[in-house]
C-alpha cells in the first residue's frame, strides 16, 4: 500500500489498517478513507477519520463509519 492507494490481499475475514498522523499544531483534523471491494464494486465504504491534536505527545483520535 502507498500513501494514496493500495490493495489489501484477502487472508481472512478481517484486516487491520493502521493510520499514523503527525499534527503540526493542536487543532481538529478530519479526513476520509475510501475502502472499495474489488470483487463487488457496489460494496464501497467511506470511513470518516477524526483526530483532535491536543498535544504533540498525546493525540486522541476516533474512527466513525458512515454507511
Protein backbone atom coordinates (compact mmCIF):
# COMPACT_ATOMS: atom_id res chain seq x y z
CA UNK A 1 0.00 0.00 0.00
CA UNK A 2 1.14 3.51 -0.71
CA UNK A 3 0.12 6.81 0.81
CA UNK A 4 -2.74 7.32 -1.68
CA UNK A 5 -3.82 3.82 -2.70
CA UNK A 6 -3.16 0.14 -2.39
CA UNK A 7 -4.61 -3.34 -2.33
CA UNK A 8 -5.12 -5.43 0.80
CA UNK A 9 -4.81 -9.12 -0.01
CA UNK A 10 -7.58 -11.34 1.32
CA UNK A 11 -6.15 -13.57 4.02
CA UNK A 12 -9.18 -13.98 6.27
CA UNK A 13 -12.32 -12.11 7.12
CA UNK A 14 -10.57 -9.29 8.99
CA UNK A 15 -7.77 -6.92 8.07
CA UNK A 16 -6.10 -4.30 10.25
CA UNK A 17 -5.24 -0.91 8.76
CA UNK A 18 -3.12 1.41 10.90
CA UNK A 19 -3.24 5.15 10.31
CA UNK A 20 -0.43 7.39 11.51
CA UNK A 21 -0.93 11.12 11.99
CA UNK A 22 1.68 13.79 12.63
CA UNK A 23 -0.09 17.03 13.53
CA UNK A 24 1.79 20.28 13.04
CA UNK A 25 -0.33 22.13 15.63
CA UNK A 26 -3.04 21.46 18.18
CA UNK A 27 -6.37 21.51 16.34
CA UNK A 28 -9.07 19.20 14.96
CA UNK A 29 -8.38 17.25 11.76
CA UNK A 30 -10.95 15.37 9.66
CA UNK A 31 -10.37 13.24 6.58
CA UNK A 32 -11.99 10.32 4.76
CA UNK A 33 -10.73 6.84 3.89
CA UNK A 34 -12.45 5.10 0.97
CA UNK A 35 -12.50 1.29 1.01
CA UNK A 36 -13.55 -0.37 -2.23
CA UNK A 37 -14.35 -4.07 -2.60
CA UNK A 38 -12.80 -5.04 -5.95
CA UNK A 39 -14.86 -8.22 -6.26
CA UNK A 40 -18.09 -6.31 -5.53
CA UNK A 41 -17.85 -2.70 -6.80
CA UNK A 42 -21.20 -1.77 -5.25
CA UNK A 43 -19.70 -2.53 -1.81
CA UNK A 44 -18.00 0.82 -1.15
CA UNK A 45 -17.29 2.04 2.38
CA UNK A 46 -16.41 5.59 3.40
CA UNK A 47 -14.69 5.90 6.77
CA UNK A 48 -14.53 9.34 8.37
CA UNK A 49 -11.30 9.79 10.31
CA UNK A 50 -11.37 12.42 13.05
CA UNK A 51 -8.37 13.38 15.14
CA UNK A 52 -8.04 16.01 17.80
CA UNK A 53 -4.45 17.15 18.30
CA UNK A 54 -4.31 18.12 21.96
CA UNK A 55 -0.53 17.90 22.43
CA UNK A 56 2.29 16.72 20.22
CA UNK A 57 2.98 13.73 22.51
CA UNK A 58 -0.66 12.94 23.36
CA UNK A 59 -3.10 12.68 20.46
CA UNK A 60 -6.64 11.40 20.62
CA UNK A 61 -8.48 10.06 17.57
CA UNK A 62 -11.61 8.19 16.66
CA UNK A 63 -12.98 6.43 13.58
CA UNK A 64 -16.60 6.94 12.56
CA UNK A 65 -18.03 4.68 9.85
CA UNK A 66 -20.71 6.25 7.65
CA UNK A 67 -22.75 3.67 5.75
